[in-house]
Protein backbone atom coordinates (compact mmCIF):
# COMPACT_ATOMS: atom_id res chain seq x y z
CA UNK A 1 0.00 0.00 0.00
CA UNK A 2 1.03 3.62 -0.47
CA UNK A 3 2.27 5.49 2.59
CA UNK A 4 -0.59 8.02 2.46
CA UNK A 5 -3.88 8.65 0.68
CA UNK A 6 -5.74 11.93 0.07
CA UNK A 7 -9.10 12.58 1.69
CA UNK A 8 -10.76 13.14 -1.70
CA UNK A 9 -9.75 12.83 -5.36
CA UNK A 10 -11.77 15.60 -7.01
CA UNK A 11 -9.84 17.55 -9.65
CA UNK A 12 -11.08 21.10 -9.05
CA UNK A 13 -12.19 23.13 -6.04
CA UNK A 14 -15.31 24.23 -7.89
CA UNK A 15 -16.47 20.66 -8.58
CA UNK A 16 -19.71 19.57 -6.93
CA UNK A 17 -19.00 17.48 -3.83
CA UNK A 18 -22.57 17.12 -2.50
CA UNK A 19 -26.20 18.05 -3.00
CA UNK A 20 -27.90 19.19 0.21
CA UNK A 21 -31.44 20.57 0.50
CA UNK A 22 -31.53 21.57 -3.16
CA UNK A 23 -28.14 23.33 -3.22
CA UNK A 24 -24.74 22.32 -4.52
CA UNK A 25 -21.77 22.15 -2.17
CA UNK A 26 -18.39 22.56 -3.85
CA UNK A 27 -15.16 20.78 -3.03
CA UNK A 28 -13.70 24.01 -1.63
CA UNK A 29 -16.73 24.44 0.65
CA UNK A 30 -16.41 20.86 1.90
CA UNK A 31 -12.72 21.26 2.70
CA UNK A 32 -13.43 24.53 4.50
CA UNK A 33 -16.21 22.91 6.55
CA UNK A 34 -13.89 20.04 7.48
CA UNK A 35 -11.17 22.44 8.58
CA UNK A 36 -13.56 24.57 10.66
CA UNK A 37 -15.19 21.57 12.34
CA UNK A 38 -11.83 19.95 13.10
CA UNK A 39 -10.82 23.09 15.01
CA UNK A 40 -13.97 22.80 17.15
CA UNK A 41 -13.67 19.13 18.12
CA UNK A 42 -12.60 18.36 21.70
CA UNK A 43 -9.33 16.64 22.57
CA UNK A 44 -10.85 13.17 22.88
CA UNK A 45 -9.98 9.90 21.17
CA UNK A 46 -13.29 8.46 19.97
CA UNK A 47 -16.05 10.16 17.97
CA UNK A 48 -19.56 8.72 17.86
CA UNK A 49 -20.95 10.30 14.69
CA UNK A 50 -24.77 10.43 14.89
CA UNK A 51 -25.32 12.96 12.11
CA UNK A 52 -28.34 11.93 10.06
CA UNK A 53 -27.44 14.19 7.12
CA UNK A 54 -24.93 12.31 4.94
CA UNK A 55 -22.89 15.43 4.12
CA UNK A 56 -22.59 16.45 7.77
CA UNK A 57 -21.65 12.88 8.66
CA UNK A 58 -18.80 12.93 6.14
CA UNK A 59 -17.62 16.34 7.33
CA UNK A 60 -17.51 14.91 10.86
CA UNK A 61 -15.83 11.69 9.71
CA UNK A 62 -13.19 13.71 7.85
CA UNK A 63 -12.65 16.19 10.70
CA UNK A 64 -11.98 13.24 13.02
CA UNK A 65 -9.33 11.99 10.59
CA UNK A 66 -7.71 15.42 10.61
CA UNK A 67 -7.59 15.33 14.42
CA UNK A 68 -6.38 11.70 14.40
CA UNK A 69 -9.52 10.62 16.22
CA UNK A 70 -11.31 7.31 15.65
CA UNK A 71 -14.85 7.15 14.28
CA UNK A 72 -17.09 4.67 16.14
CA UNK A 73 -19.84 3.26 13.90
CA UNK A 74 -22.24 1.02 15.90
CA UNK A 75 -25.16 -0.85 14.24
CA UNK A 76 -27.81 1.22 16.02
CA UNK A 77 -28.09 4.29 18.22
CA UNK A 78 -30.11 2.98 21.16
CA UNK A 79 -29.35 4.60 24.50
CA UNK A 80 -28.33 1.27 26.03
CA UNK A 81 -25.77 0.52 23.31
CA UNK A 82 -24.34 4.04 23.40
CA UNK A 83 -23.96 3.85 27.17
CA UNK A 84 -22.19 0.50 26.78
CA UNK A 85 -19.82 1.97 24.19
CA UNK A 86 -19.02 4.94 26.43
CA UNK A 87 -17.86 2.49 29.10
CA UNK A 88 -15.77 0.47 26.64
CA UNK A 89 -14.19 3.44 24.84
CA UNK A 90 -13.00 5.97 27.37
CA UNK A 91 -12.97 9.46 25.93
CA UNK A 92 -15.91 8.91 23.57
CA UNK A 93 -17.99 11.94 22.64
CA UNK A 94 -20.89 12.48 20.25
CA UNK A 95 -21.29 14.66 17.15
CA UNK A 96 -24.92 15.16 16.17
CA UNK A 97 -27.16 17.30 13.98
CA UNK A 98 -30.30 16.49 15.99
CA UNK A 99 -31.34 16.77 19.64
CA UNK A 100 -29.76 14.07 21.84
CA UNK A 101 -30.19 15.45 25.36
CA UNK A 102 -30.94 11.96 26.68
CA UNK A 103 -27.31 10.90 26.25
CA UNK A 104 -25.01 11.18 29.26
CA UNK A 105 -21.78 11.73 27.28
CA UNK A 106 -20.27 14.95 25.92
CA UNK A 107 -22.26 16.18 22.89
CA UNK A 108 -21.02 18.46 20.11
CA UNK A 109 -23.79 19.92 17.95
CA UNK A 110 -22.91 20.23 14.29
CA UNK A 111 -22.34 23.95 13.69
CA UNK A 112 -24.22 26.06 11.17
CA UNK A 113 -21.62 27.00 8.56
CA UNK A 114 -22.21 30.04 6.38
CA UNK A 115 -21.86 28.11 3.13
CA UNK A 116 -20.44 31.20 1.36
CA UNK A 117 -17.05 32.65 0.45
CA UNK A 118 -15.24 29.32 0.57
CA UNK A 119 -11.51 29.77 0.05
CA UNK A 120 -9.04 27.41 -1.54
CA UNK A 121 -7.93 24.62 0.80
CA UNK A 122 -5.30 21.94 0.33
CA UNK A 123 -6.64 18.39 0.32
CA UNK A 124 -5.33 16.64 3.46
CA UNK A 125 -3.74 13.21 3.22
CA UNK A 126 -3.52 10.56 5.93
CA UNK A 127 -1.17 7.62 6.51
CA UNK A 128 -2.55 4.39 5.13
CA UNK A 129 -1.98 2.81 8.56
CA UNK A 130 -4.01 5.47 10.43
CA UNK A 131 -6.92 3.88 12.30
CA UNK A 132 -9.93 5.62 10.78
CA UNK A 133 -12.89 3.78 12.27
CA UNK A 134 -14.12 0.96 14.42
CA UNK A 135 -17.21 -0.55 12.81
CA UNK A 136 -19.57 -3.04 14.43
CA UNK A 137 -21.43 -6.04 13.04
CA UNK A 138 -25.20 -5.70 12.73
CA UNK A 139 -26.07 -8.20 15.45
CA UNK A 140 -28.37 -10.10 13.08
CA UNK A 141 -26.92 -13.41 14.28
CA UNK A 142 -25.96 -12.46 17.83
CA UNK A 143 -23.97 -9.83 19.73
CA UNK A 144 -22.48 -6.94 17.78
CA UNK A 145 -18.68 -7.18 17.46
CA UNK A 146 -16.11 -4.43 16.67
CA UNK A 147 -13.64 -4.40 13.75
CA UNK A 148 -10.83 -1.90 13.16
CA UNK A 149 -10.54 -0.16 9.76
CA UNK A 150 -7.46 1.75 8.61
CA UNK A 151 -7.64 4.66 6.21
CA UNK A 152 -5.61 2.74 3.63
CA UNK A 153 -7.93 -0.26 3.74
CA UNK A 154 -11.01 1.93 3.32
CA UNK A 155 -9.47 3.80 0.38
CA UNK A 156 -8.39 0.64 -1.45
CA UNK A 157 -11.87 -0.81 -0.98
CA UNK A 158 -13.55 2.31 -2.40
CA UNK A 159 -11.20 2.49 -5.38
CA UNK A 160 -11.65 -1.22 -6.12
CA UNK A 161 -15.44 -0.76 -6.13
CA UNK A 162 -15.19 2.31 -8.37
CA UNK A 163 -13.15 0.31 -10.87
CA UNK A 164 -15.34 -2.79 -10.93
CA UNK A 165 -18.55 -0.74 -11.26
CA UNK A 166 -17.09 1.46 -13.98
CA UNK A 167 -18.03 4.74 -12.28
CA UNK A 168 -14.80 6.40 -13.42
CA UNK A 169 -16.19 6.37 -16.97
CA UNK A 170 -19.16 8.45 -15.74
CA UNK A 171 -17.75 11.91 -14.88
CA UNK A 172 -19.93 14.04 -12.60
CA UNK A 173 -21.87 10.98 -11.42
CA UNK A 174 -24.24 11.73 -8.52
CA UNK A 175 -25.04 9.13 -5.86
CA UNK A 176 -28.29 8.79 -3.92
CA UNK A 177 -28.30 6.30 -1.05
CA UNK A 178 -31.19 4.90 0.97
CA UNK A 179 -28.80 3.40 3.55
CA UNK A 180 -27.13 5.29 6.42
CA UNK A 181 -23.41 6.15 6.16
CA UNK A 182 -22.84 4.69 9.63
CA UNK A 183 -23.29 1.21 8.12
CA UNK A 184 -20.30 -0.36 6.32
CA UNK A 185 -22.21 -0.68 3.04
CA UNK A 186 -23.44 2.89 3.26
CA UNK A 187 -19.99 4.20 4.18
CA UNK A 188 -18.28 2.39 1.31
CA UNK A 189 -20.89 2.80 -1.43
CA UNK A 190 -22.40 6.25 -0.82
CA UNK A 191 -19.51 8.17 0.75
CA UNK A 192 -16.04 6.70 0.26
CA UNK A 193 -16.63 5.78 -3.39
CA UNK A 194 -17.71 9.39 -4.03
CA UNK A 195 -14.73 10.81 -2.15
CA UNK A 196 -12.17 8.58 -3.87
CA UNK A 197 -13.87 8.60 -7.27
CA UNK A 198 -14.31 12.37 -7.53
CA UNK A 199 -18.11 11.98 -7.53
CA UNK A 200 -20.99 13.85 -5.88
CA UNK A 201 -23.11 12.48 -3.04
CA UNK A 202 -26.68 13.32 -2.05
CA UNK A 203 -26.86 14.39 1.59
CA UNK A 204 -30.28 12.85 2.26
CA UNK A 205 -31.30 9.35 3.26
CA UNK A 206 -34.79 8.89 1.78
CA UNK A 207 -36.78 6.01 3.20
CA UNK A 208 -40.32 6.16 1.80
CA UNK A 209 -40.88 5.39 -1.90
CA UNK A 210 -42.19 8.89 -2.67
CA UNK A 211 -39.09 10.49 -1.13
CA UNK A 212 -36.72 8.14 -2.97
CA UNK A 213 -38.49 8.84 -6.27
CA UNK A 214 -38.55 12.62 -5.81
CA UNK A 215 -34.96 13.00 -4.63
CA UNK A 216 -33.60 10.63 -7.27
CA UNK A 217 -35.52 12.42 -10.03
CA UNK A 218 -34.13 15.79 -8.85
CA UNK A 219 -30.48 14.68 -9.14
CA UNK A 220 -28.69 15.55 -12.38
CA UNK A 221 -27.61 12.70 -14.60
CA UNK A 222 -25.54 10.62 -14.68
CA UNK A 223 -26.72 9.20 -11.35
CA UNK A 224 -26.54 6.02 -9.28
CA UNK A 225 -28.99 4.60 -6.75
CA UNK A 226 -27.49 2.73 -3.77
CA UNK A 227 -30.18 0.77 -1.99
CA UNK A 228 -31.32 -2.51 -0.39
CA UNK A 229 -33.66 -5.29 -1.58
CA UNK A 230 -36.39 -4.08 0.80
CA UNK A 231 -36.26 -0.46 -0.42
CA UNK A 232 -36.02 -1.61 -4.04
CA UNK A 233 -39.01 -3.93 -3.81
CA UNK A 234 -41.15 -1.28 -2.11
CA UNK A 235 -40.17 1.39 -4.64
CA UNK A 236 -40.97 -0.84 -7.62
CA UNK A 237 -44.30 -1.87 -6.10
CA UNK A 238 -45.28 1.77 -5.68
CA UNK A 239 -44.19 3.02 -9.13
CA UNK A 240 -44.49 1.42 -12.56
CA UNK A 241 -42.07 3.94 -14.10
CA UNK A 242 -38.94 5.08 -12.28
CA UNK A 243 -36.40 7.86 -12.91
CA UNK A 244 -33.71 6.52 -15.28
CA UNK A 245 -30.27 6.00 -13.78
CA UNK A 246 -26.90 4.76 -14.99
CA UNK A 247 -26.26 2.22 -12.18
CA UNK A 248 -28.29 0.55 -9.44
CA UNK A 249 -26.31 -0.91 -6.55
CA UNK A 250 -27.90 -3.24 -4.01
CA UNK A 251 -26.70 -5.08 -0.89
CA UNK A 252 -27.42 -6.33 2.67
CA UNK A 253 -29.37 -9.40 1.47
CA UNK A 254 -29.35 -11.47 -1.76
CA UNK A 255 -31.75 -10.31 -4.43
CA UNK A 256 -34.32 -12.54 -6.09
CA UNK A 257 -33.25 -12.70 -9.78
CA UNK A 258 -36.76 -11.82 -10.98
CA UNK A 259 -36.61 -8.58 -8.99
CA UNK A 260 -33.21 -7.72 -10.45
CA UNK A 261 -34.45 -8.31 -14.00
CA UNK A 262 -37.52 -6.14 -13.46
CA UNK A 263 -35.42 -3.42 -11.79
CA UNK A 264 -33.12 -3.23 -14.81
CA UNK A 265 -36.17 -2.79 -17.04
CA UNK A 266 -37.71 -0.05 -14.90
CA UNK A 267 -34.48 1.89 -14.34
CA UNK A 268 -33.03 1.27 -17.78
CA UNK A 269 -29.67 0.45 -16.21
CA UNK A 270 -27.58 -2.48 -14.98
CA UNK A 271 -28.13 -3.59 -11.40
CA UNK A 272 -25.16 -4.86 -9.43
CA UNK A 273 -25.11 -6.54 -6.06
CA UNK A 274 -22.29 -6.14 -3.58
CA UNK A 275 -21.28 -9.01 -1.32
CA UNK A 276 -19.31 -8.32 1.81
CA UNK A 277 -19.45 -8.08 5.56
CA UNK A 278 -18.37 -5.75 8.32
CA UNK A 279 -15.35 -7.92 9.06
CA UNK A 280 -13.81 -7.73 5.58
CA UNK A 281 -15.73 -4.95 3.85
CA UNK A 282 -17.02 -5.41 0.30
CA UNK A 283 -15.31 -8.28 -1.51
CA UNK A 284 -17.39 -9.34 -4.54
CA UNK A 285 -20.06 -8.29 -7.00
CA UNK A 286 -22.43 -9.76 -9.57
CA UNK A 287 -24.95 -8.56 -12.13
CA UNK A 288 -27.86 -10.59 -10.78
CA UNK A 289 -30.07 -10.35 -13.87
CA UNK A 290 -27.37 -12.22 -15.81
CA UNK A 291 -25.70 -14.57 -13.33
CA UNK A 292 -25.93 -15.99 -9.81
CA UNK A 293 -22.15 -16.30 -9.62
CA UNK A 294 -20.16 -13.77 -7.62
CA UNK A 295 -16.73 -12.49 -8.70
CA UNK A 296 -14.29 -10.98 -6.22
CA UNK A 297 -12.73 -7.52 -6.49
CA UNK A 298 -9.29 -7.27 -8.07
CA UNK A 299 -6.67 -8.98 -5.93
CA UNK A 300 -9.19 -10.48 -3.50
CA UNK A 301 -8.91 -14.26 -3.16
CA UNK A 302 -10.90 -17.01 -1.41
CA UNK A 303 -9.80 -20.33 0.02
CA UNK A 304 -11.51 -23.03 2.04
CA UNK A 305 -10.52 -25.38 4.84
CA UNK A 306 -12.34 -27.37 7.51
CA UNK A 307 -13.38 -24.15 9.27
CA UNK A 308 -15.00 -22.55 6.24
CA UNK A 309 -14.16 -19.92 3.61
CA UNK A 310 -11.41 -17.35 4.09
CA UNK A 311 -10.97 -14.08 2.20
CA UNK A 312 -7.69 -12.20 1.76
CA UNK A 313 -5.74 -10.01 -0.65
CA UNK A 314 -6.54 -6.73 -2.36
CA UNK A 315 -7.94 -4.24 0.14
CA UNK A 316 -8.66 -6.96 2.75
CA UNK A 317 -5.91 -6.24 5.25
CA UNK A 318 -6.21 -9.37 7.40
CA UNK A 319 -7.33 -12.80 6.20
CA UNK A 320 -10.89 -13.17 7.45
CA UNK A 321 -13.16 -16.16 8.00
CA UNK A 322 -16.52 -15.48 6.35
CA UNK A 323 -19.73 -16.36 8.19
CA UNK A 324 -21.40 -17.64 5.04
CA UNK A 325 -21.82 -20.98 3.28
CA UNK A 326 -19.98 -20.64 -0.02
CA UNK A 327 -19.82 -22.95 -3.03
CA UNK A 328 -16.34 -22.08 -4.25
CA UNK A 329 -15.87 -22.37 -8.02
CA UNK A 330 -12.40 -20.80 -8.10
CA UNK A 331 -10.35 -18.49 -5.86
CA UNK A 332 -12.28 -15.58 -7.40
CA UNK A 333 -15.75 -16.99 -8.23
CA UNK A 334 -18.43 -18.56 -6.05
CA UNK A 335 -22.10 -19.08 -5.26
CA UNK A 336 -23.55 -17.90 -1.96
CA UNK A 337 -25.61 -20.48 -0.09
CA UNK A 338 -26.49 -18.56 3.09
CA UNK A 339 -25.18 -17.85 6.57
CA UNK A 340 -23.47 -20.61 8.53
CA UNK A 341 -25.71 -19.68 11.46
CA UNK A 342 -28.77 -20.20 9.21
CA UNK A 343 -28.25 -23.93 8.64
CA UNK A 344 -31.20 -26.03 9.80
CA UNK A 345 -31.77 -29.77 9.91
CA UNK A 346 -35.32 -31.16 10.05
CA UNK A 347 -36.13 -34.86 9.73
CA UNK A 348 -32.64 -35.49 8.39
CA UNK A 349 -33.02 -32.90 5.65
CA UNK A 350 -30.81 -29.83 5.49
CA UNK A 351 -31.29 -26.35 4.10
CA UNK A 352 -30.66 -22.76 5.11
CA UNK A 353 -32.98 -19.97 6.20
CA UNK A 354 -31.56 -17.86 3.35
CA UNK A 355 -32.69 -20.47 0.81
CA UNK A 356 -36.17 -20.61 2.35
CA UNK A 357 -36.40 -16.81 2.42
CA UNK A 358 -35.43 -16.73 -1.24
CA UNK A 359 -38.32 -19.01 -2.20
CA UNK A 360 -40.79 -17.19 0.07
CA UNK A 361 -39.99 -13.78 -1.36
CA UNK A 362 -40.10 -15.03 -4.95
CA UNK A 363 -43.85 -15.77 -4.64
CA UNK A 364 -45.96 -13.24 -6.49
CA UNK A 365 -47.97 -11.22 -3.99
CA UNK A 366 -45.41 -11.48 -1.18
CA UNK A 367 -44.08 -8.02 -0.32
CA UNK A 368 -41.73 -9.24 2.42
CA UNK A 369 -41.19 -12.42 4.36
CA UNK A 370 -38.82 -14.28 6.65
CA UNK A 371 -38.45 -17.80 8.06
CA UNK A 372 -37.55 -18.10 11.73
CA UNK A 373 -36.33 -20.99 13.84
CA UNK A 374 -37.42 -20.12 17.41
CA UNK A 375 -35.23 -21.09 20.34
CA UNK A 376 -36.01 -24.36 22.13
CA UNK A 377 -38.29 -24.00 25.15
CA UNK A 378 -38.58 -26.52 27.96
CA UNK A 379 -37.67 -29.44 25.74
CA UNK A 380 -40.52 -28.82 23.30
CA UNK A 381 -40.02 -29.66 19.65
CA UNK A 382 -39.13 -26.43 17.87
CA UNK A 383 -41.00 -25.86 14.63
CA UNK A 384 -39.94 -23.69 11.75
CA UNK A 385 -42.21 -20.69 11.29
CA UNK A 386 -42.51 -17.69 9.00
CA UNK A 387 -43.72 -14.10 9.08
CA UNK A 388 -44.99 -12.65 5.83
CA UNK A 389 -46.29 -9.35 4.49
CA UNK A 390 -48.79 -10.29 1.77
CA UNK A 391 -52.03 -8.32 2.22
CA UNK A 392 -53.73 -9.73 -0.89
CA UNK A 393 -52.99 -13.41 -0.24
CA UNK A 394 -54.67 -16.06 1.86
CA UNK A 395 -52.80 -18.50 4.05
CA UNK A 396 -53.96 -21.40 1.89
CA UNK A 397 -52.72 -19.81 -1.33
CA UNK A 398 -49.36 -18.96 0.20
CA UNK A 399 -48.84 -22.44 1.62
CA UNK A 400 -49.74 -23.99 -1.73
CA UNK A 401 -47.15 -21.81 -3.44
CA UNK A 402 -44.55 -22.82 -0.87
CA UNK A 403 -45.30 -26.53 -1.37
CA UNK A 404 -44.34 -26.12 -5.01
CA UNK A 405 -40.98 -24.60 -4.05
CA UNK A 406 -39.69 -26.26 -0.86
CA UNK A 407 -39.70 -29.67 0.80
CA UNK A 408 -42.71 -30.32 3.01
CA UNK A 409 -40.38 -30.74 6.00
CA UNK A 410 -39.60 -27.03 5.85
CA UNK A 411 -43.13 -25.68 5.53
CA UNK A 412 -43.72 -23.08 8.26
CA UNK A 413 -45.88 -24.11 11.20
CA UNK A 414 -47.26 -21.59 11.93
CA UNK A 415 -47.36 -19.03 9.14
CA UNK A 416 -48.15 -15.56 10.48
CA UNK A 417 -49.26 -12.54 8.45
CA UNK A 418 -47.99 -9.16 9.67
CA UNK A 419 -48.33 -5.57 8.43
CA UNK A 420 -44.58 -4.99 8.38
CA UNK A 421 -41.36 -6.72 9.44
CA UNK A 422 -39.11 -4.94 11.99
CA UNK A 423 -36.22 -4.29 9.63
CA UNK A 424 -33.52 -1.80 10.54
CA UNK A 425 -32.28 1.08 8.35
CA UNK A 426 -30.24 -1.27 6.16
CA UNK A 427 -33.10 -3.70 5.65
CA UNK A 428 -31.76 -6.37 7.98
CA UNK A 429 -33.70 -8.20 10.66
CA UNK A 430 -31.62 -8.25 13.86
CA UNK A 431 -32.13 -11.32 16.00
CA UNK A 432 -33.28 -9.11 18.88
CA UNK A 433 -36.06 -7.59 16.73
CA UNK A 434 -37.27 -11.02 15.64
CA UNK A 435 -37.30 -12.27 19.22
CA UNK A 436 -39.42 -9.26 20.19
CA UNK A 437 -41.83 -10.01 17.35
CA UNK A 438 -42.07 -13.62 18.50
CA UNK A 439 -42.85 -12.59 22.07
CA UNK A 440 -45.41 -9.97 21.01
CA UNK A 441 -47.34 -12.56 19.02
CA UNK A 442 -46.93 -15.12 21.81
CA UNK A 443 -45.47 -17.78 19.59
């Protein structure tokens, strides 16, 4: 790796760095905001960045780098988790652009910058070995765990993604993301790729279909949508015609191929999926409408042993054991079979929850659905169950469709219809949220 990397790779100070509330923010303005915020930050080691605005988040993230502070990026912002982090990371303080009086740690409110008369600023560079962030796993399969990310590793990851997606051939590309920048996918694919690719990011984080449609349509072309399967499905259900884009990027859960094919038709653009995890960052991609096979980023290699599949090389700084079942075709190509924690065995037959979820969500009329294996209770036989959002379907019709797709041993007993599944901002279903849903319905 190089000894140091620049914060951003835009060519001119007058280039657009971000779109915020209908206005353009130039590179010079961004660098000035970073410099001014860095001067205001306290002399503490760890920054908990709770800014909801993507631009303000990146200004805070960058200012922390300037001050050689470490960004803490937990999977959620519950009071209990933040209090736990403050005990584990002495000297942690919070940067926020909303009211957070309920927190007991030191709070820095994001300042109101003038946004005018930006002067020329040099682009700062940081050692590749500088610890930039500690990111945490989502907790979807258990307790959230921390992983250290250097500035060099983050930069190599962003540049590798920019190359494999071909964004460098799209000058002045604008990026709209429906995922928060505090999440590894959101950080890599809506912020770092823009910073290292000389692109422009949208400061918002639209959630509802109408907001996604409106904000995407308002962005100048060329443009890219970075989203999740849940957001994509909801958006396509709501609108028959969508604003044209140059690239659609999707991650956090495997896409159903039919959805990918339809998305490419509606957007008039290729849709790529990113595969990765908090531990290693993004490591592979595929164009799902054309193939189910994943191909790793340049230099990234996979190998298998009795413990599972390991990833190394390229921007992956430390060889990492992946928590997924992988059918390895070559050191750089594979099929994804599901999470190792998702393996289930019923009546001597094996499958994964990911495989069952794939079949459930491929049924026409199903808006969202998930299979769950509840914990054993008092020696009772645990039965596989499912929650589904399908307002226009009957239980009988849904079960009949499932019988045509999966072995009878894996049919859910019971099958429960719900109005919505408790997904988090990245579309995942943390184990804790599912357990709460189970208890609320008295399963």
